[in-house]
Amino acid sequence: MLSFEEWLTVCQDDIDIELAENGADRELDFDPESEYERRYDKYAMWYDDYLDDRLDESKIPLLLLYEKMFLSK
């Protein structure tokens, strides 16, 4: 699993573009750090779902593909 810093390095530009396109970054109470943390938590929960004791081995290729997508950017 990627650390927060690794994940942010890979994903920050795409997130910033998305937030600018939908206007979220212009809201008065907008906090980009909270948004990055929320999205990283979502990534971490998704990752953990595939590594728990009930891991379906048929889903391992999906996990590897998902992580490769983050590392290839």
PDB file of N, CA and C in Angstrom:
ATOM      1  N   MET A   1       0.853  -1.175   0.000  1.00  0.00           N
ATOM      2  CA  MET A   1       0.000   0.000   0.000  1.00  0.00           C
ATOM      3  C   MET A   1       0.898   1.236   0.000  1.00  0.00           C
ATOM      4  N   LEU A   2       0.463   2.241  -0.703  1.00  0.00           N
ATOM      5  CA  LEU A   2       1.220   3.484  -0.752  1.00  0.00           C
ATOM      6  C   LEU A   2       1.065   4.266   0.545  1.00  0.00           C
ATOM      7  N   SER A   3       2.139   4.918   0.962  1.00  0.00           N
ATOM      8  CA  SER A   3       2.034   5.819   2.109  1.00  0.00           C
ATOM      9  C   SER A   3       1.255   7.055   1.653  1.00  0.00           C
ATOM     10  N   PHE A   4       0.808   7.849   2.625  1.00  0.00           N
ATOM     11  CA  PHE A   4       0.061   9.061   2.277  1.00  0.00           C
ATOM     12  C   PHE A   4       0.883   9.956   1.357  1.00  0.00           C
ATOM     13  N   GLU A   5       2.161  10.128   1.671  1.00  0.00           N
ATOM     14  CA  GLU A   5       3.013  11.003   0.873  1.00  0.00           C
ATOM     15  C   GLU A   5       3.182  10.488  -0.550  1.00  0.00           C
ATOM     16  N   GLU A   6       3.376   9.170  -0.697  1.00  0.00           N
ATOM     17  CA  GLU A   6       3.499   8.578  -2.035  1.00  0.00           C
ATOM     18  C   GLU A   6       2.202   8.745  -2.812  1.00  0.00           C
ATOM     19  N   TRP A   7       1.100   8.435  -2.145  1.00  0.00           N
ATOM     20  CA  TRP A   7      -0.209   8.533  -2.780  1.00  0.00           C
ATOM     21  C   TRP A   7      -0.490   9.965  -3.212  1.00  0.00           C
ATOM     22  N   LEU A   8      -0.177  10.928  -2.346  1.00  0.00           N
ATOM     23  CA  LEU A   8      -0.431  12.327  -2.654  1.00  0.00           C
ATOM     24  C   LEU A   8       0.421  12.789  -3.834  1.00  0.00           C
ATOM     25  N   THR A   9       1.658  12.345  -3.895  1.00  0.00           N
ATOM     26  CA  THR A   9       2.529  12.693  -5.020  1.00  0.00           C
ATOM     27  C   THR A   9       1.923  12.235  -6.340  1.00  0.00           C
ATOM     28  N   VAL A  10       1.326  11.070  -6.319  1.00  0.00           N
ATOM     29  CA  VAL A  10       0.736  10.504  -7.531  1.00  0.00           C
ATOM     30  C   VAL A  10      -0.609  11.148  -7.869  1.00  0.00           C
ATOM     31  N   CYS A  11      -1.419  11.448  -6.865  1.00  0.00           N
ATOM     32  CA  CYS A  11      -2.818  11.823  -7.093  1.00  0.00           C
ATOM     33  C   CYS A  11      -3.140  13.311  -6.958  1.00  0.00           C
ATOM     34  N   GLN A  12      -2.275  14.080  -6.359  1.00  0.00           N
ATOM     35  CA  GLN A  12      -2.625  15.464  -6.022  1.00  0.00           C
ATOM     36  C   GLN A  12      -3.023  16.296  -7.235  1.00  0.00           C
ATOM     37  N   ASP A  13      -2.294  16.215  -8.320  1.00  0.00           N
ATOM     38  CA  ASP A  13      -2.634  17.021  -9.500  1.00  0.00           C
ATOM     39  C   ASP A  13      -4.023  16.693 -10.025  1.00  0.00           C
ATOM     40  N   ASP A  14      -4.342  15.413 -10.114  1.00  0.00           N
ATOM     41  CA  ASP A  14      -5.662  15.012 -10.611  1.00  0.00           C
ATOM     42  C   ASP A  14      -6.772  15.483  -9.674  1.00  0.00           C
ATOM     43  N   ILE A  15      -6.541  15.381  -8.381  1.00  0.00           N
ATOM     44  CA  ILE A  15      -7.546  15.828  -7.410  1.00  0.00           C
ATOM     45  C   ILE A  15      -7.731  17.334  -7.511  1.00  0.00           C
ATOM     46  N   ASP A  16      -6.619  18.069  -7.591  1.00  0.00           N
ATOM     47  CA  ASP A  16      -6.707  19.529  -7.697  1.00  0.00           C
ATOM     48  C   ASP A  16      -7.472  19.960  -8.943  1.00  0.00           C
ATOM     49  N   ILE A  17      -7.238  19.282 -10.052  1.00  0.00           N
ATOM     50  CA  ILE A  17      -7.961  19.594 -11.292  1.00  0.00           C
ATOM     51  C   ILE A  17      -9.448  19.324 -11.117  1.00  0.00           C
ATOM     52  N   GLU A  18      -9.777  18.169 -10.550  1.00  0.00           N
ATOM     53  CA  GLU A  18     -11.185  17.829 -10.328  1.00  0.00           C
ATOM     54  C   GLU A  18     -11.872  18.856  -9.433  1.00  0.00           C
ATOM     55  N   LEU A  19     -11.194  19.258  -8.358  1.00  0.00           N
ATOM     56  CA  LEU A  19     -11.783  20.217  -7.426  1.00  0.00           C
ATOM     57  C   LEU A  19     -11.954  21.592  -8.066  1.00  0.00           C
ATOM     58  N   ALA A  20     -11.028  21.963  -8.930  1.00  0.00           N
ATOM     59  CA  ALA A  20     -11.150  23.248  -9.633  1.00  0.00           C
ATOM     60  C   ALA A  20     -12.287  23.199 -10.651  1.00  0.00           C
ATOM     61  N   GLU A  21     -12.431  22.070 -11.333  1.00  0.00           N
ATOM     62  CA  GLU A  21     -13.487  21.936 -12.337  1.00  0.00           C
ATOM     63  C   GLU A  21     -14.878  21.976 -11.717  1.00  0.00           C
ATOM     64  N   ASN A  22     -15.035  21.400 -10.526  1.00  0.00           N
ATOM     65  CA  ASN A  22     -16.366  21.390  -9.924  1.00  0.00           C
ATOM     66  C   ASN A  22     -16.589  22.553  -8.952  1.00  0.00           C
ATOM     67  N   GLY A  23     -15.581  23.430  -8.810  1.00  0.00           N
ATOM     68  CA  GLY A  23     -15.744  24.643  -8.006  1.00  0.00           C
ATOM     69  C   GLY A  23     -15.568  24.462  -6.511  1.00  0.00           C
ATOM     70  N   ALA A  24     -15.248  23.274  -6.076  1.00  0.00           N
ATOM     71  CA  ALA A  24     -15.105  23.028  -4.641  1.00  0.00           C
ATOM     72  C   ALA A  24     -13.981  23.864  -4.042  1.00  0.00           C
ATOM     73  N   ASP A  25     -12.935  24.101  -4.810  1.00  0.00           N
ATOM     74  CA  ASP A  25     -11.796  24.843  -4.282  1.00  0.00           C
ATOM     75  C   ASP A  25     -12.085  26.325  -4.057  1.00  0.00           C
ATOM     76  N   ARG A  26     -13.236  26.784  -4.526  1.00  0.00           N
ATOM     77  CA  ARG A  26     -13.601  28.193  -4.347  1.00  0.00           C
ATOM     78  C   ARG A  26     -14.560  28.413  -3.184  1.00  0.00           C
ATOM     79  N   GLU A  27     -14.959  27.353  -2.503  1.00  0.00           N
ATOM     80  CA  GLU A  27     -15.842  27.488  -1.352  1.00  0.00           C
ATOM     81  C   GLU A  27     -15.062  28.072  -0.176  1.00  0.00           C
ATOM     82  N   LEU A  28     -15.703  28.911   0.602  1.00  0.00           N
ATOM     83  CA  LEU A  28     -15.025  29.598   1.705  1.00  0.00           C
ATOM     84  C   LEU A  28     -14.435  28.647   2.733  1.00  0.00           C
ATOM     85  N   ASP A  29     -15.143  27.575   3.035  1.00  0.00           N
ATOM     86  CA  ASP A  29     -14.676  26.643   4.066  1.00  0.00           C
ATOM     87  C   ASP A  29     -13.890  25.465   3.506  1.00  0.00           C
ATOM     88  N   PHE A  30     -13.462  25.556   2.256  1.00  0.00           N
ATOM     89  CA  PHE A  30     -12.754  24.447   1.623  1.00  0.00           C
ATOM     90  C   PHE A  30     -11.354  24.275   2.218  1.00  0.00           C
ATOM     91  N   ASP A  31     -11.025  23.035   2.559  1.00  0.00           N
ATOM     92  CA  ASP A  31      -9.719  22.704   3.115  1.00  0.00           C
ATOM     93  C   ASP A  31      -9.121  21.566   2.278  1.00  0.00           C
ATOM     94  N   PRO A  32      -8.159  21.881   1.410  1.00  0.00           N
ATOM     95  CA  PRO A  32      -7.615  20.828   0.539  1.00  0.00           C
ATOM     96  C   PRO A  32      -6.972  19.681   1.317  1.00  0.00           C
ATOM     97  N   GLU A  33      -6.314  19.982   2.432  1.00  0.00           N
ATOM     98  CA  GLU A  33      -5.682  18.914   3.212  1.00  0.00           C
ATOM     99  C   GLU A  33      -6.714  17.892   3.706  1.00  0.00           C
ATOM    100  N   SER A  34      -7.863  18.375   4.151  1.00  0.00           N
ATOM    101  CA  SER A  34      -8.921  17.465   4.604  1.00  0.00           C
ATOM    102  C   SER A  34      -9.436  16.616   3.449  1.00  0.00           C
ATOM    103  N   GLU A  35      -9.534  17.212   2.280  1.00  0.00           N
ATOM    104  CA  GLU A  35      -9.998  16.471   1.101  1.00  0.00           C
ATOM    105  C   GLU A  35      -8.991  15.395   0.713  1.00  0.00           C
ATOM    106  N   TYR A  36      -7.709  15.741   0.734  1.00  0.00           N
ATOM    107  CA  TYR A  36      -6.685  14.738   0.425  1.00  0.00           C
ATOM    108  C   TYR A  36      -6.738  13.601   1.431  1.00  0.00           C
ATOM    109  N   GLU A  37      -6.861  13.924   2.707  1.00  0.00           N
ATOM    110  CA  GLU A  37      -6.918  12.893   3.752  1.00  0.00           C
ATOM    111  C   GLU A  37      -8.153  12.012   3.603  1.00  0.00           C
ATOM    112  N   ARG A  38      -9.283  12.626   3.271  1.00  0.00           N
ATOM    113  CA  ARG A  38     -10.517  11.856   3.085  1.00  0.00           C
ATOM    114  C   ARG A  38     -10.354  10.866   1.932  1.00  0.00           C
ATOM    115  N   ARG A  39      -9.767  11.324   0.849  1.00  0.00           N
ATOM    116  CA  ARG A  39      -9.592  10.436  -0.312  1.00  0.00           C
ATOM    117  C   ARG A  39      -8.539   9.364  -0.050  1.00  0.00           C
ATOM    118  N   TYR A  40      -7.507   9.700   0.697  1.00  0.00           N
ATOM    119  CA  TYR A  40      -6.508   8.686   1.042  1.00  0.00           C
ATOM    120  C   TYR A  40      -7.137   7.623   1.945  1.00  0.00           C
ATOM    121  N   ASP A  41      -7.946   8.055   2.894  1.00  0.00           N
ATOM    122  CA  ASP A  41      -8.637   7.098   3.763  1.00  0.00           C
ATOM    123  C   ASP A  41      -9.499   6.145   2.947  1.00  0.00           C
ATOM    124  N   LYS A  42     -10.141   6.672   1.925  1.00  0.00           N
ATOM    125  CA  LYS A  42     -10.967   5.841   1.045  1.00  0.00           C
ATOM    126  C   LYS A  42     -10.094   4.813   0.324  1.00  0.00           C
ATOM    127  N   TYR A  43      -8.940   5.259  -0.175  1.00  0.00           N
ATOM    128  CA  TYR A  43      -7.986   4.350  -0.822  1.00  0.00           C
ATOM    129  C   TYR A  43      -7.515   3.283   0.167  1.00  0.00           C
ATOM    130  N   ALA A  44      -7.171   3.701   1.390  1.00  0.00           N
ATOM    131  CA  ALA A  44      -6.666   2.765   2.394  1.00  0.00           C
ATOM    132  C   ALA A  44      -7.733   1.745   2.786  1.00  0.00           C
ATOM    133  N   MET A  45      -8.978   2.192   2.927  1.00  0.00           N
ATOM    134  CA  MET A  45     -10.059   1.256   3.264  1.00  0.00           C
ATOM    135  C   MET A  45     -10.267   0.264   2.126  1.00  0.00           C
ATOM    136  N   TRP A  46     -10.231   0.759   0.892  1.00  0.00           N
ATOM    137  CA  TRP A  46     -10.377  -0.126  -0.265  1.00  0.00           C
ATOM    138  C   TRP A  46      -9.265  -1.155  -0.255  1.00  0.00           C
ATOM    139  N   TYR A  47      -8.049  -0.713  -0.010  1.00  0.00           N
ATOM    140  CA  TYR A  47      -6.894  -1.607   0.009  1.00  0.00           C
ATOM    141  C   TYR A  47      -7.039  -2.653   1.109  1.00  0.00           C
ATOM    142  N   ASP A  48      -7.404  -2.207   2.299  1.00  0.00           N
ATOM    143  CA  ASP A  48      -7.557  -3.126   3.434  1.00  0.00           C
ATOM    144  C   ASP A  48      -8.648  -4.155   3.200  1.00  0.00           C
ATOM    145  N   ASP A  49      -9.711  -3.784   2.487  1.00  0.00           N
ATOM    146  CA  ASP A  49     -10.791  -4.728   2.201  1.00  0.00           C
ATOM    147  C   ASP A  49     -10.280  -5.953   1.460  1.00  0.00           C
ATOM    148  N   TYR A  50      -9.248  -5.787   0.654  1.00  0.00           N
ATOM    149  CA  TYR A  50      -8.714  -6.902  -0.116  1.00  0.00           C
ATOM    150  C   TYR A  50      -7.611  -7.653   0.607  1.00  0.00           C
ATOM    151  N   LEU A  51      -7.178  -7.136   1.746  1.00  0.00           N
ATOM    152  CA  LEU A  51      -6.104  -7.805   2.474  1.00  0.00           C
ATOM    153  C   LEU A  51      -6.564  -8.428   3.781  1.00  0.00           C
ATOM    154  N   ASP A  52      -7.844  -8.358   4.078  1.00  0.00           N
ATOM    155  CA  ASP A  52      -8.303  -8.945   5.336  1.00  0.00           C
ATOM    156  C   ASP A  52      -8.352 -10.471   5.231  1.00  0.00           C
ATOM    157  N   ASP A  53      -8.718 -11.115   6.304  1.00  0.00           N
ATOM    158  CA  ASP A  53      -8.688 -12.575   6.369  1.00  0.00           C
ATOM    159  C   ASP A  53      -9.618 -13.242   5.373  1.00  0.00           C
ATOM    160  N   ARG A  54     -10.593 -12.509   4.881  1.00  0.00           N
ATOM    161  CA  ARG A  54     -11.563 -13.088   3.948  1.00  0.00           C
ATOM    162  C   ARG A  54     -11.190 -12.830   2.503  1.00  0.00           C
ATOM    163  N   LEU A  55      -9.918 -12.579   2.234  1.00  0.00           N
ATOM    164  CA  LEU A  55      -9.454 -12.234   0.897  1.00  0.00           C
ATOM    165  C   LEU A  55      -9.824 -13.311  -0.115  1.00  0.00           C
ATOM    166  N   ASP A  56     -10.477 -12.873  -1.152  1.00  0.00           N
ATOM    167  CA  ASP A  56     -10.787 -13.753  -2.275  1.00  0.00           C
ATOM    168  C   ASP A  56      -9.600 -13.671  -3.228  1.00  0.00           C
ATOM    169  N   GLU A  57      -8.872 -14.767  -3.371  1.00  0.00           N
ATOM    170  CA  GLU A  57      -7.656 -14.749  -4.181  1.00  0.00           C
ATOM    171  C   GLU A  57      -7.909 -14.342  -5.628  1.00  0.00           C
ATOM    172  N   SER A  58      -9.116 -14.475  -6.097  1.00  0.00           N
ATOM    173  CA  SER A  58      -9.415 -14.081  -7.476  1.00  0.00           C
ATOM    174  C   SER A  58      -9.367 -12.573  -7.651  1.00  0.00           C
ATOM    175  N   LYS A  59      -9.399 -11.815  -6.526  1.00  0.00           N
ATOM    176  CA  LYS A  59      -9.386 -10.355  -6.618  1.00  0.00           C
ATOM    177  C   LYS A  59      -7.978  -9.768  -6.519  1.00  0.00           C
ATOM    178  N   ILE A  60      -6.979 -10.596  -6.278  1.00  0.00           N
ATOM    179  CA  ILE A  60      -5.616 -10.087  -6.156  1.00  0.00           C
ATOM    180  C   ILE A  60      -5.185  -9.331  -7.418  1.00  0.00           C
ATOM    181  N   PRO A  61      -5.456  -9.823  -8.622  1.00  0.00           N
ATOM    182  CA  PRO A  61      -5.059  -9.048  -9.802  1.00  0.00           C
ATOM    183  C   PRO A  61      -5.675  -7.648  -9.832  1.00  0.00           C
ATOM    184  N   LEU A  62      -6.890  -7.479  -9.333  1.00  0.00           N
ATOM    185  CA  LEU A  62      -7.504  -6.151  -9.287  1.00  0.00           C
ATOM    186  C   LEU A  62      -6.737  -5.232  -8.353  1.00  0.00           C
ATOM    187  N   LEU A  63      -6.307  -5.759  -7.221  1.00  0.00           N
ATOM    188  CA  LEU A  63      -5.541  -4.984  -6.263  1.00  0.00           C
ATOM    189  C   LEU A  63      -4.221  -4.535  -6.878  1.00  0.00           C
ATOM    190  N   LEU A  64      -3.541  -5.454  -7.543  1.00  0.00           N
ATOM    191  CA  LEU A  64      -2.265  -5.115  -8.161  1.00  0.00           C
ATOM    192  C   LEU A  64      -2.441  -4.095  -9.278  1.00  0.00           C
ATOM    193  N   LEU A  65      -3.502  -4.228 -10.042  1.00  0.00           N
ATOM    194  CA  LEU A  65      -3.782  -3.276 -11.103  1.00  0.00           C
ATOM    195  C   LEU A  65      -4.071  -1.901 -10.527  1.00  0.00           C
ATOM    196  N   TYR A  66      -4.851  -1.834  -9.468  1.00  0.00           N
ATOM    197  CA  TYR A  66      -5.198  -0.561  -8.841  1.00  0.00           C
ATOM    198  C   TYR A  66      -3.941   0.139  -8.333  1.00  0.00           C
ATOM    199  N   GLU A  67      -3.066  -0.612  -7.667  1.00  0.00           N
ATOM    200  CA  GLU A  67      -1.844  -0.001  -7.157  1.00  0.00           C
ATOM    201  C   GLU A  67      -0.927   0.401  -8.305  1.00  0.00           C
ATOM    202  N   LYS A  68      -0.874  -0.396  -9.348  1.00  0.00           N
ATOM    203  CA  LYS A  68      -0.037  -0.054 -10.506  1.00  0.00           C
ATOM    204  C   LYS A  68      -0.516   1.254 -11.138  1.00  0.00           C
ATOM    205  N   MET A  69      -1.824   1.473 -11.166  1.00  0.00           N
ATOM    206  CA  MET A  69      -2.357   2.710 -11.719  1.00  0.00           C
ATOM    207  C   MET A  69      -1.819   3.898 -10.946  1.00  0.00           C
ATOM    208  N   PHE A  70      -1.733   3.792  -9.616  1.00  0.00           N
ATOM    209  CA  PHE A  70      -1.234   4.888  -8.804  1.00  0.00           C
ATOM    210  C   PHE A  70       0.273   5.080  -9.007  1.00  0.00           C
ATOM    211  N   LEU A  71       0.999   3.985  -9.164  1.00  0.00           N
ATOM    212  CA  LEU A  71       2.452   4.080  -9.280  1.00  0.00           C
ATOM    213  C   LEU A  71       2.898   4.492 -10.673  1.00  0.00           C
ATOM    214  N   SER A  72       2.062   4.312 -11.679  1.00  0.00           N
ATOM    215  CA  SER A  72       2.479   4.584 -13.056  1.00  0.00           C
ATOM    216  C   SER A  72       2.314   6.018 -13.470  1.00  0.00           C
ATOM    217  N   LYS A  73       1.650   6.840 -12.667  1.00  0.00           N
ATOM    218  CA  LYS A  73       1.422   8.239 -13.054  1.00  0.00           C
ATOM    219  C   LYS A  73       2.655   9.070 -12.834  1.00  0.00           C
TER     220      LYS A  73
END
